[in-house]
Every structure is written in structure tokens, then in C-alpha cells.
Amino acid sequence: MRVRKKKHGSERLAAAGDLLCTDKTVTLADPIAPFGIARSALHLEIGCGKGKFSVGMAALHPDINFYAVERVSDVVVAAVERAMAEEVRPENLRFIVGDAKTLTEWFPPHTFDCIYLNFSDPWPKAGHYKRRLTYRAFLELYKSLLKEGGVLRLKTDNAGLFDFSLGEFEAAGMDVVKCSRDLHASPFAEGNVMTEYETNFTAKGMPIYFAEVRVK
């Protein structure tokens, strides 16, 4: 999907101040430094879109530090401005303009307690399977970033991507600890924060596929 270019995007990102992390050397040396204080856990959303999920999670869990990564800078503008518009500024949320492939340039090994993949591009063509964010090469990257016992949480509206992901989780030696083909009708819906896509899909009556997998 083509993203409409934001007017004055660079200036609007600059206005984000410390909500936006731009220096890899800082986070690589100390992932807690941009927050000022350590909290009970450190979570990462890959592909945060316009920030509905990450901003909602930061508000719901003030005891957790959150990083939200998005590769399209104009989309990050919308996410950052959503955070800035909150009545209470989220001090436990930081944004990064970056790609999943470069995460090890930003963070040291075994940094995160939880990683979220929400409605990632399913890359439906058979020849594009290696681009899917649940392809085993990406899973190995996530495993290197997760702490022992850390979890990866996947939400998608795409049954094909979900089935592919379950196979990749098994191939990567990750334990599926929660799984539902209709998240909102399952016990796992409690505490669920919806993304922009999820809100739209749910309004249309579409099921949301969910899995939580653990690093052994």
C-alpha cells in the first residue's frame, strides 16, 4: 500500500524530541537509556503503523518500556503525533524508523521480554515467502533479541500467513503456548489492544488469528 507523503515530515519528526530514537549507538549500548529508568519489562513492536497498538499498550502498562519500530518514516510521523496527542505523554514508549532486518544494529542480544508482530504484510506470492516476517530467518533474529523464556506474539487476519507461521515456529524450535483462529472469541482476548487494521477487520466480522510462542 502506497503511503501518502506527509507535509513537513522531517520537521514533524524532529518535533518528537525524545519520543524518537535516532542514534543506534545509544540503544545498542544501553536499551534502557532512552527511557531514563528501567521498568519491569522491555517490549518491542515490529511494524507499528500509525501507533494505535503501541500507544494503547504503553498507556495500559505503565510498568513496561516499549519500543515501536516502523520502516516508513511518514507512517512514524502519524504514530509519534498520536503519542504526543495523548492527555498524558507516554514516558515508557520510544519510536524508531527502521527495518526488521537491522534490529541487531539497534539492540544487543537478549534484550526483550516480548516481541509483537501485528498484521504484517502476508506476501501472498509463493516466491516471496522469505520476505514474510515469520520466515525462519527472521525468527532466528527475534530469538537472538529475546531473553530466555521470552515470547513472540502474532496477530493477523490472513489464514495463509498464520498457517505458514505455525510451520515456521516449529521449524525454528519455538513452543506455541497460545493459539486461536478467532482471537476475539477466545480467552486470550482479555487485555487485547487493537491495531488500526484489527479495528477495521473486526468491524467487518473477520476473525483475527493469534499465536504466542516462547523461546526455549
Protein backbone atom coordinates (compact mmCIF):
# COMPACT_ATOMS: atom_id res chain seq x y z
CA MET A 1 0.00 0.00 0.00
CA ARG A 2 1.38 3.39 -1.04
CA VAL A 3 1.71 5.84 1.85
CA ARG A 4 0.82 9.46 1.15
CA LYS A 5 3.83 11.63 1.86
CA LYS A 6 3.43 13.83 4.91
CA LYS A 7 3.90 17.56 4.53
CA HIS A 8 6.91 18.79 6.51
CA GLY A 9 7.57 15.19 7.60
CA SER A 10 11.17 15.80 8.67
CA GLU A 11 10.22 18.79 10.78
CA ARG A 12 7.34 16.91 12.36
CA LEU A 13 9.62 14.02 13.27
CA ALA A 14 12.14 16.45 14.75
CA ALA A 15 9.36 17.81 16.96
CA ALA A 16 9.02 14.37 18.54
CA GLY A 17 12.01 15.05 20.75
CA ASP A 18 12.99 12.08 22.88
CA LEU A 19 9.97 10.06 21.74
CA LEU A 20 12.03 9.24 18.64
CA CYS A 21 15.32 7.34 18.87
CA THR A 22 17.75 8.13 16.06
CA ASP A 23 21.14 7.00 17.40
CA LYS A 24 21.81 3.26 17.14
CA THR A 25 24.90 3.52 19.31
CA VAL A 26 22.80 4.64 22.29
CA THR A 27 20.27 1.79 22.16
CA LEU A 28 22.93 -0.78 21.29
CA ALA A 29 25.00 0.21 24.32
CA ASP A 30 22.03 0.50 26.71
CA PRO A 31 18.44 -0.10 25.53
CA ILE A 32 17.10 1.42 28.76
CA ALA A 33 18.93 4.73 28.34
CA PRO A 34 16.29 6.44 26.13
CA PHE A 35 13.66 5.86 28.84
CA GLY A 36 15.73 7.18 31.70
CA ILE A 37 14.60 4.41 34.06
CA ALA A 38 14.22 0.64 33.91
CA ARG A 39 10.73 -0.74 34.30
CA SER A 40 9.53 -4.30 34.89
CA ALA A 41 9.97 -5.43 31.27
CA LEU A 42 11.01 -4.32 27.79
CA HIS A 43 8.75 -4.99 24.78
CA LEU A 44 9.14 -4.39 21.03
CA GLU A 45 6.53 -3.95 18.30
CA ILE A 46 7.82 -4.54 14.76
CA GLY A 47 5.80 -2.65 12.18
CA CYS A 48 3.90 -0.29 14.46
CA GLY A 49 1.98 1.51 11.71
CA LYS A 50 0.21 4.62 12.96
CA GLY A 51 0.82 3.67 16.58
CA LYS A 52 -2.64 2.72 17.85
CA PHE A 53 -1.37 -0.52 19.42
CA SER A 54 1.89 0.77 20.87
CA VAL A 55 0.35 3.93 22.31
CA GLY A 56 -2.52 1.90 23.76
CA MET A 57 -0.19 -0.66 25.28
CA ALA A 58 2.06 1.99 26.80
CA ALA A 59 -0.96 3.58 28.48
CA LEU A 60 -2.33 0.24 29.68
CA HIS A 61 1.03 -0.97 31.01
CA PRO A 62 2.94 1.98 32.52
CA ASP A 63 5.24 -0.52 34.23
CA ILE A 64 6.66 -1.73 30.88
CA ASN A 65 9.01 0.06 28.47
CA PHE A 66 8.01 -0.21 24.80
CA TYR A 67 9.90 0.27 21.55
CA ALA A 68 7.84 0.64 18.36
CA VAL A 69 9.67 0.17 15.05
CA GLU A 70 8.33 1.15 11.62
CA ARG A 71 10.31 1.32 8.38
CA VAL A 72 8.24 4.08 6.70
CA SER A 73 9.16 7.46 8.16
CA ASP A 74 5.92 9.15 7.08
CA VAL A 75 3.96 6.49 8.98
CA VAL A 76 6.12 7.09 12.06
CA VAL A 77 5.10 10.76 11.88
CA ALA A 78 1.48 9.69 12.43
CA ALA A 79 2.46 7.31 15.25
CA VAL A 80 4.57 9.90 17.06
CA GLU A 81 1.88 12.56 16.74
CA ARG A 82 -0.69 10.12 18.13
CA ALA A 83 1.55 9.64 21.18
CA MET A 84 2.09 13.39 21.55
CA ALA A 85 -1.67 13.98 21.42
CA GLU A 86 -2.28 11.76 24.46
CA GLU A 87 -3.53 13.56 27.56
CA VAL A 88 -0.63 12.01 29.45
CA ARG A 89 2.58 11.80 27.42
CA PRO A 90 3.83 8.17 27.31
CA GLU A 91 7.21 8.24 29.01
CA ASN A 92 7.54 4.46 28.53
CA LEU A 93 7.32 4.49 24.71
CA ARG A 94 10.00 5.21 22.11
CA PHE A 95 9.79 5.05 18.31
CA ILE A 96 12.41 4.04 15.76
CA VAL A 97 12.41 4.45 11.99
CA GLY A 98 13.96 1.17 10.92
CA ASP A 99 13.64 -2.20 9.24
CA ALA A 100 13.27 -5.58 10.95
CA LYS A 101 16.44 -6.78 9.21
CA THR A 102 18.53 -4.15 11.01
CA LEU A 103 17.27 -4.71 14.55
CA THR A 104 20.53 -6.28 15.70
CA GLU A 105 22.22 -2.99 14.78
CA TRP A 106 19.94 -1.24 17.27
CA PHE A 107 19.78 -3.68 20.17
CA PRO A 108 22.13 -6.12 21.92
CA PRO A 109 21.29 -9.82 22.28
CA HIS A 110 18.65 -10.97 24.76
CA THR A 111 17.13 -7.53 25.30
CA PHE A 112 13.37 -8.10 25.07
CA ASP A 113 10.78 -9.94 27.12
CA CYS A 114 8.20 -9.78 24.31
CA ILE A 115 8.08 -9.01 20.58
CA TYR A 116 4.84 -8.20 18.72
CA LEU A 117 4.09 -8.80 15.04
CA ASN A 118 0.73 -7.24 14.26
CA PHE A 119 -0.82 -7.62 10.80
CA SER A 120 2.47 -7.89 8.97
CA ASP A 121 2.45 -7.97 5.16
CA PRO A 122 1.50 -11.58 4.23
CA TRP A 123 3.48 -11.51 0.97
CA PRO A 124 1.00 -13.98 -0.57
CA LYS A 125 3.01 -14.90 -3.69
CA ALA A 126 4.79 -18.22 -3.19
CA GLY A 127 8.09 -16.80 -4.38
CA HIS A 128 8.01 -14.08 -1.73
CA TYR A 129 7.83 -16.34 1.32
CA LYS A 130 11.27 -15.31 2.55
CA ARG A 131 10.01 -11.73 2.94
CA ARG A 132 7.37 -12.73 5.49
CA LEU A 133 8.31 -11.54 8.98
CA THR A 134 7.63 -15.02 10.35
CA TYR A 135 10.04 -16.72 7.93
CA ARG A 136 12.55 -18.79 9.89
CA ALA A 137 15.48 -16.42 9.21
CA PHE A 138 13.53 -13.60 10.85
CA LEU A 139 12.55 -15.90 13.71
CA GLU A 140 16.22 -16.63 14.40
CA LEU A 141 16.81 -12.88 14.56
CA TYR A 142 13.96 -12.46 17.05
CA LYS A 143 15.24 -15.37 19.11
CA SER A 144 18.59 -13.62 19.41
CA LEU A 145 16.86 -10.48 20.69
CA LEU A 146 14.53 -12.21 23.15
CA LYS A 147 15.54 -13.13 26.66
CA GLU A 148 15.41 -16.78 27.71
CA GLY A 149 11.73 -17.60 28.11
CA GLY A 150 10.74 -14.50 26.11
CA VAL A 151 7.70 -14.60 23.85
CA LEU A 152 6.68 -13.57 20.35
CA ARG A 153 3.03 -12.61 19.79
CA LEU A 154 1.49 -12.71 16.34
CA LYS A 155 -1.83 -11.27 15.18
CA THR A 156 -3.05 -11.47 11.58
CA ASP A 157 -6.23 -11.55 9.53
CA ASN A 158 -4.56 -13.79 6.94
CA ALA A 159 -5.16 -17.54 7.35
CA GLY A 160 -2.40 -18.40 4.88
CA LEU A 161 0.20 -16.37 6.76
CA PHE A 162 -0.98 -17.85 10.04
CA ASP A 163 -0.62 -21.44 8.84
CA PHE A 164 2.77 -20.63 7.32
CA SER A 165 3.85 -19.05 10.60
CA LEU A 166 2.87 -22.08 12.67
CA GLY A 167 5.09 -24.22 10.46
CA GLU A 168 7.97 -21.78 10.76
CA PHE A 169 7.63 -21.63 14.54
CA GLU A 170 8.01 -25.40 14.67
CA ALA A 171 10.98 -25.32 12.29
CA ALA A 172 12.65 -22.68 14.47
CA GLY A 173 12.16 -24.76 17.62
CA MET A 174 9.75 -22.31 19.26
CA ASP A 175 6.95 -23.55 21.52
CA VAL A 176 3.40 -22.44 20.68
CA VAL A 177 1.87 -21.68 24.09
CA LYS A 178 -1.30 -19.87 22.94
CA CYS A 179 -3.18 -20.24 19.67
CA SER A 180 -6.57 -19.13 18.38
CA ARG A 181 -8.20 -18.81 14.98
CA ASP A 182 -10.70 -16.34 16.42
CA LEU A 183 -8.93 -14.20 18.99
CA HIS A 184 -11.91 -12.09 19.96
CA ALA A 185 -13.99 -15.17 20.76
CA SER A 186 -11.20 -16.76 22.81
CA PRO A 187 -9.99 -16.41 26.42
CA PHE A 188 -6.89 -14.64 25.03
CA ALA A 189 -8.95 -11.56 24.12
CA GLU A 190 -8.76 -10.21 27.67
CA GLY A 191 -6.49 -7.19 27.71
CA ASN A 192 -6.14 -7.19 23.92
CA VAL A 193 -5.31 -3.80 22.42
CA MET A 194 -6.44 -3.48 18.81
CA THR A 195 -4.46 -2.03 15.92
CA GLU A 196 -5.94 0.15 13.18
CA TYR A 197 -6.22 -2.86 10.87
CA GLU A 198 -7.71 -5.02 13.59
CA THR A 199 -10.43 -2.48 14.31
CA ASN A 200 -11.41 -2.41 10.64
CA PHE A 201 -11.30 -6.18 10.16
CA THR A 202 -13.32 -6.82 13.30
CA ALA A 203 -15.99 -4.34 12.21
CA LYS A 204 -16.36 -6.42 9.03
CA GLY A 205 -16.80 -9.61 11.06
CA MET A 206 -13.45 -11.09 10.05
CA PRO A 207 -11.69 -13.44 12.50
CA ILE A 208 -8.32 -12.49 13.93
CA TYR A 209 -5.68 -15.22 14.14
CA PHE A 210 -3.42 -15.16 17.19
CA ALA A 211 -0.43 -17.11 18.44
CA GLU A 212 2.05 -16.69 21.26
CA VAL A 213 5.30 -18.62 21.01
CA ARG A 214 8.08 -18.98 23.52
CA VAL A 215 11.83 -19.21 23.12
CA LYS A 216 13.03 -22.49 24.61
